[in-house]
Amino acid sequence: MFKLLIVLPMLFIGAVVFGAGALVFVPLLAMLPVILAVGAVVFALVIVVSVFGFLLRLMGALIIGVGAVAVGGAGLFVALAGGAVVIGFALILAHVLLPILVIAGIVWLIHRSGKPPAAPPIAHG
């Protein structure tokens, strides 16, 4: 009795639903090669775009890296050139200052030689 009242109507309903599904699915099954071809084209486009994106990012990283090395090299050159300029100024000032120091030393010696010698210390004992 259970089979007749519940299972048999369910079988009929399932058969109708399956038949309707088959009516929808079979034409889609015929479209399967087209759907696979569209999927392959989309997959190929995604791969191409991702490879181009990777190459673009790689070139950007190389450009940034080379730019950083160039800026660092220019900075080193400027630092060395600035150090050379400072050393040059120091040499120029030393050449200017040395005669002034020699003249000042000679004046000091002449001034000191004009004074009487200091008396020797007295020995107590």
PDB file of N, CA and C in Angstrom:
ATOM      1  N   MET A   1       0.812  -1.186   0.000  1.00  0.00           N
ATOM      2  CA  MET A   1       0.000   0.000   0.000  1.00  0.00           C
ATOM      3  C   MET A   1       0.867   1.267   0.000  1.00  0.00           C
ATOM      4  N   PHE A   2       1.950   1.221   0.774  1.00  0.00           N
ATOM      5  CA  PHE A   2       2.870   2.360   0.851  1.00  0.00           C
ATOM      6  C   PHE A   2       3.475   2.657  -0.514  1.00  0.00           C
ATOM      7  N   LYS A   3       3.843   1.578  -1.213  1.00  0.00           N
ATOM      8  CA  LYS A   3       4.442   1.762  -2.532  1.00  0.00           C
ATOM      9  C   LYS A   3       3.451   2.393  -3.502  1.00  0.00           C
ATOM     10  N   LEU A   4       2.246   2.008  -3.418  1.00  0.00           N
ATOM     11  CA  LEU A   4       1.266   2.525  -4.360  1.00  0.00           C
ATOM     12  C   LEU A   4       0.913   3.988  -4.071  1.00  0.00           C
ATOM     13  N   LEU A   5       0.867   4.331  -2.803  1.00  0.00           N
ATOM     14  CA  LEU A   5       0.429   5.681  -2.455  1.00  0.00           C
ATOM     15  C   LEU A   5       1.553   6.721  -2.530  1.00  0.00           C
ATOM     16  N   ILE A   6       2.781   6.326  -2.237  1.00  0.00           N
ATOM     17  CA  ILE A   6       3.856   7.322  -2.151  1.00  0.00           C
ATOM     18  C   ILE A   6       4.932   7.086  -3.196  1.00  0.00           C
ATOM     19  N   VAL A   7       5.438   5.882  -3.313  1.00  0.00           N
ATOM     20  CA  VAL A   7       6.586   5.617  -4.173  1.00  0.00           C
ATOM     21  C   VAL A   7       6.204   5.714  -5.640  1.00  0.00           C
ATOM     22  N   LEU A   8       5.045   5.169  -6.019  1.00  0.00           N
ATOM     23  CA  LEU A   8       4.655   5.191  -7.421  1.00  0.00           C
ATOM     24  C   LEU A   8       4.431   6.618  -7.931  1.00  0.00           C
ATOM     25  N   PRO A   9       3.733   7.492  -7.213  1.00  0.00           N
ATOM     26  CA  PRO A   9       3.626   8.877  -7.695  1.00  0.00           C
ATOM     27  C   PRO A   9       4.985   9.577  -7.745  1.00  0.00           C
ATOM     28  N   MET A  10       5.859   9.268  -6.805  1.00  0.00           N
ATOM     29  CA  MET A  10       7.193   9.872  -6.825  1.00  0.00           C
ATOM     30  C   MET A  10       7.973   9.395  -8.049  1.00  0.00           C
ATOM     31  N   LEU A  11       7.810   8.149  -8.432  1.00  0.00           N
ATOM     32  CA  LEU A  11       8.471   7.652  -9.635  1.00  0.00           C
ATOM     33  C   LEU A  11       7.959   8.368 -10.876  1.00  0.00           C
ATOM     34  N   PHE A  12       6.653   8.580 -10.933  1.00  0.00           N
ATOM     35  CA  PHE A  12       6.098   9.294 -12.078  1.00  0.00           C
ATOM     36  C   PHE A  12       6.608  10.737 -12.139  1.00  0.00           C
ATOM     37  N   ILE A  13       6.606  11.393 -10.987  1.00  0.00           N
ATOM     38  CA  ILE A  13       7.080  12.779 -10.951  1.00  0.00           C
ATOM     39  C   ILE A  13       8.561  12.836 -11.316  1.00  0.00           C
ATOM     40  N   GLY A  14       9.352  11.897 -10.815  1.00  0.00           N
ATOM     41  CA  GLY A  14      10.774  11.858 -11.146  1.00  0.00           C
ATOM     42  C   GLY A  14      11.009  11.613 -12.624  1.00  0.00           C
ATOM     43  N   ALA A  15      10.175  10.733 -13.210  1.00  0.00           N
ATOM     44  CA  ALA A  15      10.322  10.456 -14.640  1.00  0.00           C
ATOM     45  C   ALA A  15       9.997  11.700 -15.464  1.00  0.00           C
ATOM     46  N   VAL A  16       8.947  12.424 -15.072  1.00  0.00           N
ATOM     47  CA  VAL A  16       8.586  13.642 -15.801  1.00  0.00           C
ATOM     48  C   VAL A  16       9.693  14.690 -15.666  1.00  0.00           C
ATOM     49  N   VAL A  17      10.208  14.863 -14.416  1.00  0.00           N
ATOM     50  CA  VAL A  17      11.275  15.844 -14.205  1.00  0.00           C
ATOM     51  C   VAL A  17      12.531  15.428 -14.971  1.00  0.00           C
ATOM     52  N   PHE A  18      12.847  14.128 -14.939  1.00  0.00           N
ATOM     53  CA  PHE A  18      14.022  13.656 -15.660  1.00  0.00           C
ATOM     54  C   PHE A  18      13.856  13.850 -17.164  1.00  0.00           C
ATOM     55  N   GLY A  19      12.658  13.603 -17.651  1.00  0.00           N
ATOM     56  CA  GLY A  19      12.396  13.799 -19.081  1.00  0.00           C
ATOM     57  C   GLY A  19      12.524  15.259 -19.461  1.00  0.00           C
ATOM     58  N   ALA A  20      11.987  16.152 -18.617  1.00  0.00           N
ATOM     59  CA  ALA A  20      12.096  17.582 -18.898  1.00  0.00           C
ATOM     60  C   ALA A  20      13.556  18.018 -18.819  1.00  0.00           C
ATOM     61  N   GLY A  21      14.287  17.475 -17.830  1.00  0.00           N
ATOM     62  CA  GLY A  21      15.716  17.794 -17.723  1.00  0.00           C
ATOM     63  C   GLY A  21      16.476  17.294 -18.925  1.00  0.00           C
ATOM     64  N   ALA A  22      16.098  16.117 -19.418  1.00  0.00           N
ATOM     65  CA  ALA A  22      16.767  15.583 -20.601  1.00  0.00           C
ATOM     66  C   ALA A  22      16.471  16.459 -21.813  1.00  0.00           C
ATOM     67  N   LEU A  23      15.267  16.983 -21.885  1.00  0.00           N
ATOM     68  CA  LEU A  23      14.929  17.858 -23.001  1.00  0.00           C
ATOM     69  C   LEU A  23      15.761  19.152 -22.973  1.00  0.00           C
ATOM     70  N   VAL A  24      16.108  19.600 -21.761  1.00  0.00           N
ATOM     71  CA  VAL A  24      16.934  20.799 -21.648  1.00  0.00           C
ATOM     72  C   VAL A  24      18.413  20.451 -21.818  1.00  0.00           C
ATOM     73  N   PHE A  25      18.822  19.304 -21.280  1.00  0.00           N
ATOM     74  CA  PHE A  25      20.244  18.972 -21.221  1.00  0.00           C
ATOM     75  C   PHE A  25      20.802  18.455 -22.548  1.00  0.00           C
ATOM     76  N   VAL A  26      20.028  17.724 -23.296  1.00  0.00           N
ATOM     77  CA  VAL A  26      20.540  17.116 -24.533  1.00  0.00           C
ATOM     78  C   VAL A  26      20.967  18.184 -25.546  1.00  0.00           C
ATOM     79  N   PRO A  27      20.213  19.259 -25.766  1.00  0.00           N
ATOM     80  CA  PRO A  27      20.733  20.297 -26.668  1.00  0.00           C
ATOM     81  C   PRO A  27      22.006  20.949 -26.118  1.00  0.00           C
ATOM     82  N   LEU A  28      22.084  21.101 -24.797  1.00  0.00           N
ATOM     83  CA  LEU A  28      23.314  21.639 -24.212  1.00  0.00           C
ATOM     84  C   LEU A  28      24.481  20.683 -24.409  1.00  0.00           C
ATOM     85  N   LEU A  29      24.202  19.390 -24.375  1.00  0.00           N
ATOM     86  CA  LEU A  29      25.251  18.401 -24.627  1.00  0.00           C
ATOM     87  C   LEU A  29      25.770  18.513 -26.051  1.00  0.00           C
ATOM     88  N   ALA A  30      24.899  18.872 -26.971  1.00  0.00           N
ATOM     89  CA  ALA A  30      25.329  19.084 -28.344  1.00  0.00           C
ATOM     90  C   ALA A  30      26.182  20.346 -28.455  1.00  0.00           C
ATOM     91  N   MET A  31      25.979  21.282 -27.533  1.00  0.00           N
ATOM     92  CA  MET A  31      26.759  22.522 -27.529  1.00  0.00           C
ATOM     93  C   MET A  31      28.092  22.357 -26.779  1.00  0.00           C
ATOM     94  N   LEU A  32      28.375  21.180 -26.253  1.00  0.00           N
ATOM     95  CA  LEU A  32      29.576  20.983 -25.440  1.00  0.00           C
ATOM     96  C   LEU A  32      30.868  21.337 -26.179  1.00  0.00           C
ATOM     97  N   PRO A  33      31.081  20.966 -27.421  1.00  0.00           N
ATOM     98  CA  PRO A  33      32.318  21.379 -28.098  1.00  0.00           C
ATOM     99  C   PRO A  33      32.456  22.902 -28.205  1.00  0.00           C
ATOM    100  N   VAL A  34      31.348  23.600 -28.441  1.00  0.00           N
ATOM    101  CA  VAL A  34      31.399  25.057 -28.521  1.00  0.00           C
ATOM    102  C   VAL A  34      31.732  25.641 -27.157  1.00  0.00           C
ATOM    103  N   ILE A  35      31.122  25.109 -26.109  1.00  0.00           N
ATOM    104  CA  ILE A  35      31.380  25.599 -24.749  1.00  0.00           C
ATOM    105  C   ILE A  35      32.839  25.338 -24.373  1.00  0.00           C
ATOM    106  N   LEU A  36      33.375  24.171 -24.723  1.00  0.00           N
ATOM    107  CA  LEU A  36      34.782  23.864 -24.443  1.00  0.00           C
ATOM    108  C   LEU A  36      35.712  24.784 -25.232  1.00  0.00           C
ATOM    109  N   ALA A  37      35.345  25.099 -26.474  1.00  0.00           N
ATOM    110  CA  ALA A  37      36.164  26.001 -27.278  1.00  0.00           C
ATOM    111  C   ALA A  37      36.164  27.407 -26.683  1.00  0.00           C
ATOM    112  N   VAL A  38      35.010  27.876 -26.234  1.00  0.00           N
ATOM    113  CA  VAL A  38      34.929  29.191 -25.604  1.00  0.00           C
ATOM    114  C   VAL A  38      35.763  29.202 -24.326  1.00  0.00           C
ATOM    115  N   GLY A  39      35.673  28.125 -23.547  1.00  0.00           N
ATOM    116  CA  GLY A  39      36.481  28.022 -22.328  1.00  0.00           C
ATOM    117  C   GLY A  39      37.961  28.020 -22.637  1.00  0.00           C
ATOM    118  N   ALA A  40      38.365  27.346 -23.705  1.00  0.00           N
ATOM    119  CA  ALA A  40      39.778  27.326 -24.084  1.00  0.00           C
ATOM    120  C   ALA A  40      40.249  28.714 -24.509  1.00  0.00           C
ATOM    121  N   VAL A  41      39.404  29.448 -25.237  1.00  0.00           N
ATOM    122  CA  VAL A  41      39.768  30.809 -25.654  1.00  0.00           C
ATOM    123  C   VAL A  41      39.894  31.726 -24.437  1.00  0.00           C
ATOM    124  N   VAL A  42      38.960  31.617 -23.512  1.00  0.00           N
ATOM    125  CA  VAL A  42      39.020  32.433 -22.302  1.00  0.00           C
ATOM    126  C   VAL A  42      40.271  32.082 -21.492  1.00  0.00           C
ATOM    127  N   PHE A  43      40.563  30.788 -21.382  1.00  0.00           N
ATOM    128  CA  PHE A  43      41.762  30.349 -20.658  1.00  0.00           C
ATOM    129  C   PHE A  43      43.027  30.894 -21.322  1.00  0.00           C
ATOM    130  N   ALA A  44      43.092  30.814 -22.646  1.00  0.00           N
ATOM    131  CA  ALA A  44      44.264  31.331 -23.364  1.00  0.00           C
ATOM    132  C   ALA A  44      44.403  32.837 -23.171  1.00  0.00           C
ATOM    133  N   LEU A  45      43.289  33.565 -23.220  1.00  0.00           N
ATOM    134  CA  LEU A  45      43.351  35.016 -23.004  1.00  0.00           C
ATOM    135  C   LEU A  45      43.820  35.347 -21.589  1.00  0.00           C
ATOM    136  N   VAL A  46      43.330  34.594 -20.616  1.00  0.00           N
ATOM    137  CA  VAL A  46      43.759  34.830 -19.232  1.00  0.00           C
ATOM    138  C   VAL A  46      45.253  34.569 -19.090  1.00  0.00           C
ATOM    139  N   ILE A  47      45.754  33.497 -19.702  1.00  0.00           N
ATOM    140  CA  ILE A  47      47.185  33.186 -19.625  1.00  0.00           C
ATOM    141  C   ILE A  47      48.005  34.292 -20.296  1.00  0.00           C
ATOM    142  N   VAL A  48      47.587  34.740 -21.469  1.00  0.00           N
ATOM    143  CA  VAL A  48      48.325  35.775 -22.191  1.00  0.00           C
ATOM    144  C   VAL A  48      48.352  37.080 -21.393  1.00  0.00           C
ATOM    145  N   VAL A  49      47.204  37.478 -20.859  1.00  0.00           N
ATOM    146  CA  VAL A  49      47.146  38.712 -20.087  1.00  0.00           C
ATOM    147  C   VAL A  49      47.995  38.595 -18.820  1.00  0.00           C
ATOM    148  N   SER A  50      47.968  37.436 -18.178  1.00  0.00           N
ATOM    149  CA  SER A  50      48.768  37.274 -16.965  1.00  0.00           C
ATOM    150  C   SER A  50      50.264  37.270 -17.282  1.00  0.00           C
ATOM    151  N   VAL A  51      50.657  36.664 -18.397  1.00  0.00           N
ATOM    152  CA  VAL A  51      52.074  36.690 -18.772  1.00  0.00           C
ATOM    153  C   VAL A  51      52.510  38.113 -19.115  1.00  0.00           C
ATOM    154  N   PHE A  52      51.669  38.852 -19.856  1.00  0.00           N
ATOM    155  CA  PHE A  52      51.993  40.251 -20.151  1.00  0.00           C
ATOM    156  C   PHE A  52      52.072  41.084 -18.879  1.00  0.00           C
ATOM    157  N   GLY A  53      51.156  40.844 -17.956  1.00  0.00           N
ATOM    158  CA  GLY A  53      51.203  41.554 -16.676  1.00  0.00           C
ATOM    159  C   GLY A  53      52.469  41.238 -15.906  1.00  0.00           C
ATOM    160  N   PHE A  54      52.866  39.953 -15.907  1.00  0.00           N
ATOM    161  CA  PHE A  54      54.108  39.572 -15.224  1.00  0.00           C
ATOM    162  C   PHE A  54      55.317  40.243 -15.875  1.00  0.00           C
ATOM    163  N   LEU A  55      55.356  40.244 -17.212  1.00  0.00           N
ATOM    164  CA  LEU A  55      56.481  40.876 -17.899  1.00  0.00           C
ATOM    165  C   LEU A  55      56.510  42.384 -17.645  1.00  0.00           C
ATOM    166  N   LEU A  56      55.332  43.008 -17.595  1.00  0.00           N
ATOM    167  CA  LEU A  56      55.269  44.435 -17.301  1.00  0.00           C
ATOM    168  C   LEU A  56      55.781  44.722 -15.891  1.00  0.00           C
ATOM    169  N   ARG A  57      55.374  43.897 -14.929  1.00  0.00           N
ATOM    170  CA  ARG A  57      55.850  44.087 -13.552  1.00  0.00           C
ATOM    171  C   ARG A  57      57.351  43.822 -13.466  1.00  0.00           C
ATOM    172  N   LEU A  58      57.831  42.837 -14.207  1.00  0.00           N
ATOM    173  CA  LEU A  58      59.259  42.537 -14.201  1.00  0.00           C
ATOM    174  C   LEU A  58      60.057  43.694 -14.792  1.00  0.00           C
ATOM    175  N   MET A  59      59.584  44.253 -15.896  1.00  0.00           N
ATOM    176  CA  MET A  59      60.274  45.399 -16.494  1.00  0.00           C
ATOM    177  C   MET A  59      60.231  46.608 -15.557  1.00  0.00           C
ATOM    178  N   GLY A  60      59.101  46.827 -14.916  1.00  0.00           N
ATOM    179  CA  GLY A  60      59.012  47.923 -13.951  1.00  0.00           C
ATOM    180  C   GLY A  60      59.998  47.746 -12.810  1.00  0.00           C
ATOM    181  N   ALA A  61      60.114  46.518 -12.302  1.00  0.00           N
ATOM    182  CA  ALA A  61      61.066  46.258 -11.214  1.00  0.00           C
ATOM    183  C   ALA A  61      62.500  46.474 -11.690  1.00  0.00           C
ATOM    184  N   LEU A  62      62.799  46.051 -12.912  1.00  0.00           N
ATOM    185  CA  LEU A  62      64.148  46.264 -13.441  1.00  0.00           C
ATOM    186  C   LEU A  62      64.436  47.749 -13.621  1.00  0.00           C
ATOM    187  N   ILE A  63      63.453  48.490 -14.122  1.00  0.00           N
ATOM    188  CA  ILE A  63      63.658  49.923 -14.310  1.00  0.00           C
ATOM    189  C   ILE A  63      63.875  50.608 -12.970  1.00  0.00           C
ATOM    190  N   ILE A  64      63.070  50.237 -11.978  1.00  0.00           N
ATOM    191  CA  ILE A  64      63.228  50.839 -10.649  1.00  0.00           C
ATOM    192  C   ILE A  64      64.581  50.452 -10.059  1.00  0.00           C
ATOM    193  N   GLY A  65      64.985  49.187 -10.227  1.00  0.00           N
ATOM    194  CA  GLY A  65      66.281  48.755  -9.697  1.00  0.00           C
ATOM    195  C   GLY A  65      67.442  49.455 -10.370  1.00  0.00           C
ATOM    196  N   VAL A  66      67.394  49.558 -11.696  1.00  0.00           N
ATOM    197  CA  VAL A  66      68.472  50.245 -12.410  1.00  0.00           C
ATOM    198  C   VAL A  66      68.486  51.729 -12.045  1.00  0.00           C
ATOM    199  N   GLY A  67      67.301  52.319 -11.892  1.00  0.00           N
ATOM    200  CA  GLY A  67      67.231  53.721 -11.481  1.00  0.00           C
ATOM    201  C   GLY A  67      67.822  53.926 -10.096  1.00  0.00           C
ATOM    202  N   ALA A  68      67.541  52.993  -9.191  1.00  0.00           N
ATOM    203  CA  ALA A  68      68.097  53.115  -7.840  1.00  0.00           C
ATOM    204  C   ALA A  68      69.618  52.995  -7.862  1.00  0.00           C
ATOM    205  N   VAL A  69      70.140  52.068  -8.666  1.00  0.00           N
ATOM    206  CA  VAL A  69      71.591  51.934  -8.764  1.00  0.00           C
ATOM    207  C   VAL A  69      72.202  53.179  -9.408  1.00  0.00           C
ATOM    208  N   ALA A  70      71.523  53.728 -10.414  1.00  0.00           N
ATOM    209  CA  ALA A  70      72.037  54.944 -11.070  1.00  0.00           C
ATOM    210  C   ALA A  70      72.047  56.119 -10.101  1.00  0.00           C
ATOM    211  N   VAL A  71      70.973  56.268  -9.340  1.00  0.00           N
ATOM    212  CA  VAL A  71      70.921  57.366  -8.369  1.00  0.00           C
ATOM    213  C   VAL A  71      71.984  57.171  -7.294  1.00  0.00           C
ATOM    214  N   GLY A  72      72.174  55.918  -6.855  1.00  0.00           N
ATOM    215  CA  GLY A  72      73.223  55.653  -5.875  1.00  0.00           C
ATOM    216  C   GLY A  72      74.607  55.945  -6.428  1.00  0.00           C
ATOM    217  N   GLY A  73      74.848  55.571  -7.686  1.00  0.00           N
ATOM    218  CA  GLY A  73      76.141  55.876  -8.308  1.00  0.00           C
ATOM    219  C   GLY A  73      76.359  57.366  -8.463  1.00  0.00           C
ATOM    220  N   ALA A  74      75.304  58.076  -8.871  1.00  0.00           N
ATOM    221  CA  ALA A  74      75.420  59.534  -8.992  1.00  0.00           C
ATOM    222  C   ALA A  74      75.670  60.159  -7.625  1.00  0.00           C
ATOM    223  N   GLY A  75      75.001  59.644  -6.608  1.00  0.00           N
ATOM    224  CA  GLY A  75      75.219  60.155  -5.264  1.00  0.00           C
ATOM    225  C   GLY A  75      76.641  59.916  -4.784  1.00  0.00           C
ATOM    226  N   LEU A  76      77.169  58.728  -5.093  1.00  0.00           N
ATOM    227  CA  LEU A  76      78.558  58.438  -4.727  1.00  0.00           C
ATOM    228  C   LEU A  76      79.514  59.376  -5.467  1.00  0.00           C
ATOM    229  N   PHE A  77      79.248  59.587  -6.755  1.00  0.00           N
ATOM    230  CA  PHE A  77      80.092  60.494  -7.528  1.00  0.00           C
ATOM    231  C   PHE A  77      80.044  61.911  -6.957  1.00  0.00           C
ATOM    232  N   VAL A  78      78.840  62.370  -6.619  1.00  0.00           N
ATOM    233  CA  VAL A  78      78.707  63.719  -6.063  1.00  0.00           C
ATOM    234  C   VAL A  78      79.406  63.805  -4.705  1.00  0.00           C
ATOM    235  N   ALA A  79      79.281  62.748  -3.898  1.00  0.00           N
ATOM    236  CA  ALA A  79      79.940  62.756  -2.593  1.00  0.00           C
ATOM    237  C   ALA A  79      81.461  62.798  -2.756  1.00  0.00           C
ATOM    238  N   LEU A  80      81.982  61.988  -3.691  1.00  0.00           N
ATOM    239  CA  LEU A  80      83.430  61.990  -3.910  1.00  0.00           C
ATOM    240  C   LEU A  80      83.897  63.321  -4.502  1.00  0.00           C
ATOM    241  N   ALA A  81      83.107  63.850  -5.428  1.00  0.00           N
ATOM    242  CA  ALA A  81      83.470  65.145  -6.007  1.00  0.00           C
ATOM    243  C   ALA A  81      83.406  66.245  -4.950  1.00  0.00           C
ATOM    244  N   GLY A  82      82.389  66.203  -4.106  1.00  0.00           N
ATOM    245  CA  GLY A  82      82.304  67.188  -3.032  1.00  0.00           C
ATOM    246  C   GLY A  82      83.460  67.053  -2.062  1.00  0.00           C
ATOM    247  N   GLY A  83      83.858  65.820  -1.760  1.00  0.00           N
ATOM    248  CA  GLY A  83      85.026  65.619  -0.894  1.00  0.00           C
ATOM    249  C   GLY A  83      86.289  66.155  -1.537  1.00  0.00           C
ATOM    250  N   ALA A  84      86.429  65.948  -2.851  1.00  0.00           N
ATOM    251  CA  ALA A  84      87.608  66.468  -3.550  1.00  0.00           C
ATOM    252  C   ALA A  84      87.618  67.996  -3.524  1.00  0.00           C
ATOM    253  N   VAL A  85      86.453  68.610  -3.672  1.00  0.00           N
ATOM    254  CA  VAL A  85      86.377  70.071  -3.621  1.00  0.00           C
ATOM    255  C   VAL A  85      86.757  70.568  -2.233  1.00  0.00           C
ATOM    256  N   VAL A  86      86.276  69.879  -1.189  1.00  0.00           N
ATOM    257  CA  VAL A  86      86.613  70.290   0.177  1.00  0.00           C
ATOM    258  C   VAL A  86      88.113  70.131   0.426  1.00  0.00           C
ATOM    259  N   ILE A  87      88.692  69.026  -0.060  1.00  0.00           N
ATOM    260  CA  ILE A  87      90.137  68.842   0.106  1.00  0.00           C
ATOM    261  C   ILE A  87      90.897  69.922  -0.669  1.00  0.00           C
ATOM    262  N   GLY A  88      90.399  70.271  -1.851  1.00  0.00           N
ATOM    263  CA  GLY A  88      91.035  71.355  -2.619  1.00  0.00           C
ATOM    264  C   GLY A  88      90.983  72.685  -1.873  1.00  0.00           C
ATOM    265  N   PHE A  89      89.816  72.994  -1.306  1.00  0.00           N
ATOM    266  CA  PHE A  89      89.719  74.221  -0.505  1.00  0.00           C
ATOM    267  C   PHE A  89      90.657  74.171   0.696  1.00  0.00           C
ATOM    268  N   ALA A  90      90.771  73.012   1.328  1.00  0.00           N
ATOM    269  CA  ALA A  90      91.672  72.889   2.478  1.00  0.00           C
ATOM    270  C   ALA A  90      93.121  73.120   2.056  1.00  0.00           C
ATOM    271  N   LEU A  91      93.518  72.591   0.909  1.00  0.00           N
ATOM    272  CA  LEU A  91      94.885  72.816   0.431  1.00  0.00           C
ATOM    273  C   LEU A  91      95.113  74.289   0.093  1.00  0.00           C
ATOM    274  N   ILE A  92      94.121  74.909  -0.539  1.00  0.00           N
ATOM    275  CA  ILE A  92      94.256  76.339  -0.859  1.00  0.00           C
ATOM    276  C   ILE A  92      94.396  77.161   0.411  1.00  0.00           C
ATOM    277  N   LEU A  93      93.542  76.877   1.401  1.00  0.00           N
ATOM    278  CA  LEU A  93      93.615  77.619   2.657  1.00  0.00           C
ATOM    279  C   LEU A  93      94.923  77.338   3.394  1.00  0.00           C
ATOM    280  N   ALA A  94      95.424  76.105   3.300  1.00  0.00           N
ATOM    281  CA  ALA A  94      96.698  75.798   3.943  1.00  0.00           C
ATOM    282  C   ALA A  94      97.828  76.583   3.274  1.00  0.00           C
ATOM    283  N   HIS A  95      97.793  76.708   1.948  1.00  0.00           N
ATOM    284  CA  HIS A  95      98.825  77.473   1.261  1.00  0.00           C
ATOM    285  C   HIS A  95      98.717  78.965   1.565  1.00  0.00           C
ATOM    286  N   VAL A  96      97.512  79.433   1.818  1.00  0.00           N
ATOM    287  CA  VAL A  96      97.340  80.827   2.205  1.00  0.00           C
ATOM    288  C   VAL A  96      97.758  81.031   3.657  1.00  0.00           C
ATOM    289  N   LEU A  97      97.432  80.069   4.500  1.00  0.00           N
ATOM    290  CA  LEU A  97      97.672  80.213   5.935  1.00  0.00           C
ATOM    291  C   LEU A  97      99.140  79.997   6.293  1.00  0.00           C
ATOM    292  N   LEU A  98      99.840  79.165   5.564  1.00  0.00           N
ATOM    293  CA  LEU A  98     101.233  78.850   5.926  1.00  0.00           C
ATOM    294  C   LEU A  98     102.131  80.091   5.890  1.00  0.00           C
ATOM    295  N   PRO A  99     102.117  80.911   4.859  1.00  0.00           N
ATOM    296  CA  PRO A  99     102.954  82.122   4.901  1.00  0.00           C
ATOM    297  C   PRO A  99     102.552  83.068   6.029  1.00  0.00           C
ATOM    298  N   ILE A 100     101.261  83.159   6.291  1.00  0.00           N
ATOM    299  CA  ILE A 100     100.818  84.019   7.394  1.00  0.00           C
ATOM    300  C   ILE A 100     101.375  83.505   8.716  1.00  0.00           C
ATOM    301  N   LEU A 101     101.358  82.192   8.899  1.00  0.00           N
ATOM    302  CA  LEU A 101     101.904  81.614  10.136  1.00  0.00           C
ATOM    303  C   LEU A 101     103.416  81.822  10.228  1.00  0.00           C
ATOM    304  N   VAL A 102     104.120  81.696   9.093  1.00  0.00           N
ATOM    305  CA  VAL A 102     105.576  81.918   9.103  1.00  0.00           C
ATOM    306  C   VAL A 102     105.880  83.375   9.455  1.00  0.00           C
ATOM    307  N   ILE A 103     105.152  84.316   8.859  1.00  0.00           N
ATOM    308  CA  ILE A 103     105.370  85.737   9.160  1.00  0.00           C
ATOM    309  C   ILE A 103     105.053  86.012  10.627  1.00  0.00           C
ATOM    310  N   ALA A 104     103.932  85.456  11.115  1.00  0.00           N
ATOM    311  CA  ALA A 104     103.576  85.662  12.518  1.00  0.00           C
ATOM    312  C   ALA A 104     104.639  85.058  13.431  1.00  0.00           C
ATOM    313  N   GLY A 105     105.210  83.919  13.058  1.00  0.00           N
ATOM    314  CA  GLY A 105     106.272  83.303  13.873  1.00  0.00           C
ATOM    315  C   GLY A 105     107.533  84.139  13.887  1.00  0.00           C
ATOM    316  N   ILE A 106     107.872  84.703  12.739  1.00  0.00           N
ATOM    317  CA  ILE A 106     109.071  85.554  12.684  1.00  0.00           C
ATOM    318  C   ILE A 106     108.869  86.805  13.524  1.00  0.00           C
ATOM    319  N   VAL A 107     107.690  87.426  13.427  1.00  0.00           N
ATOM    320  CA  VAL A 107     107.397  88.612  14.248  1.00  0.00           C
ATOM    321  C   VAL A 107     107.474  88.243  15.724  1.00  0.00           C
ATOM    322  N   TRP A 108     106.952  87.109  16.107  1.00  0.00           N
ATOM    323  CA  TRP A 108     106.988  86.678  17.511  1.00  0.00           C
ATOM    324  C   TRP A 108     108.438  86.480  17.971  1.00  0.00           C
ATOM    325  N   LEU A 109     109.265  85.853  17.107  1.00  0.00           N
ATOM    326  CA  LEU A 109     110.670  85.643  17.479  1.00  0.00           C
ATOM    327  C   LEU A 109     111.407  86.984  17.631  1.00  0.00           C
ATOM    328  N   ILE A 110     111.154  87.922  16.720  1.00  0.00           N
ATOM    329  CA  ILE A 110     111.805  89.247  16.817  1.00  0.00           C
ATOM    330  C   ILE A 110     111.356  89.941  18.098  1.00  0.00           C
ATOM    331  N   HIS A 111     110.077  89.880  18.374  1.00  0.00           N
ATOM    332  CA  HIS A 111     109.560  90.516  19.590  1.00  0.00           C
ATOM    333  C   HIS A 111     110.155  89.869  20.845  1.00  0.00           C
ATOM    334  N   ARG A 112     110.290  88.569  20.826  1.00  0.00           N
ATOM    335  CA  ARG A 112     110.825  87.847  21.992  1.00  0.00           C
ATOM    336  C   ARG A 112     112.321  88.103  22.146  1.00  0.00           C
ATOM    337  N   SER A 113     113.019  88.245  21.033  1.00  0.00           N
ATOM    338  CA  SER A 113     114.470  88.456  21.126  1.00  0.00           C
ATOM    339  C   SER A 113     114.808  89.854  21.652  1.00  0.00           C
ATOM    340  N   GLY A 114     113.864  90.789  21.575  1.00  0.00           N
ATOM    341  CA  GLY A 114     114.099  92.137  22.085  1.00  0.00           C
ATOM    342  C   GLY A 114     113.981  92.208  23.598  1.00  0.00           C
ATOM    343  N   LYS A 115     113.427  91.260  24.239  1.00  0.00           N
ATOM    344  CA  LYS A 115     113.304  91.259  25.692  1.00  0.00           C
ATOM    345  C   LYS A 115     114.578  90.724  26.319  1.00  0.00           C
ATOM    346  N   PRO A 116     114.925  91.230  27.498  1.00  0.00           N
ATOM    347  CA  PRO A 116     116.102  90.664  28.167  1.00  0.00           C
ATOM    348  C   PRO A 116     115.817  89.239  28.602  1.00  0.00           C
ATOM    349  N   PRO A 117     116.844  88.428  28.652  1.00  0.00           N
ATOM    350  CA  PRO A 117     116.614  87.048  29.070  1.00  0.00           C
ATOM    351  C   PRO A 117     116.138  87.010  30.514  1.00  0.00           C
ATOM    352  N   ALA A 118     115.343  86.034  30.809  1.00  0.00           N
ATOM    353  CA  ALA A 118     114.834  85.907  32.161  1.00  0.00           C
ATOM    354  C   ALA A 118     115.971  85.482  33.091  1.00  0.00           C
ATOM    355  N   ALA A 119     115.896  85.977  34.329  1.00  0.00           N
ATOM    356  CA  ALA A 119     116.935  85.644  35.312  1.00  0.00           C
ATOM    357  C   ALA A 119     116.798  84.160  35.668  1.00  0.00           C
ATOM    358  N   PRO A 120     117.929  83.518  35.875  1.00  0.00           N
ATOM    359  CA  PRO A 120     117.841  82.116  36.258  1.00  0.00           C
ATOM    360  C   PRO A 120     117.220  82.019  37.661  1.00  0.00           C
ATOM    361  N   PRO A 121     116.571  80.910  37.931  1.00  0.00           N
ATOM    362  CA  PRO A 121     115.943  80.773  39.238  1.00  0.00           C
ATOM    363  C   PRO A 121     117.011  80.689  40.334  1.00  0.00           C
ATOM    364  N   ILE A 122     116.663  81.237  41.438  1.00  0.00           N
ATOM    365  CA  ILE A 122     117.573  81.235  42.586  1.00  0.00           C
ATOM    366  C   ILE A 122     117.431  79.912  43.310  1.00  0.00           C
ATOM    367  N   ALA A 123     118.620  79.350  43.557  1.00  0.00           N
ATOM    368  CA  ALA A 123     118.621  78.070  44.266  1.00  0.00           C
ATOM    369  C   ALA A 123     118.627  78.334  45.760  1.00  0.00           C
ATOM    370  N   HIS A 124     117.774  77.800  46.470  1.00  0.00           N
ATOM    371  CA  HIS A 124     117.733  77.921  47.955  1.00  0.00           C
ATOM    372  C   HIS A 124     118.365  76.679  48.532  1.00  0.00           C
ATOM    373  N   GLY A 125     119.213  76.858  49.385  1.00  0.00           N
ATOM    374  CA  GLY A 125     119.705  75.628  49.952  1.00  0.00           C
ATOM    375  C   GLY A 125     120.826  75.690  50.861  1.00  0.00           C
TER     376      GLY A 125
END
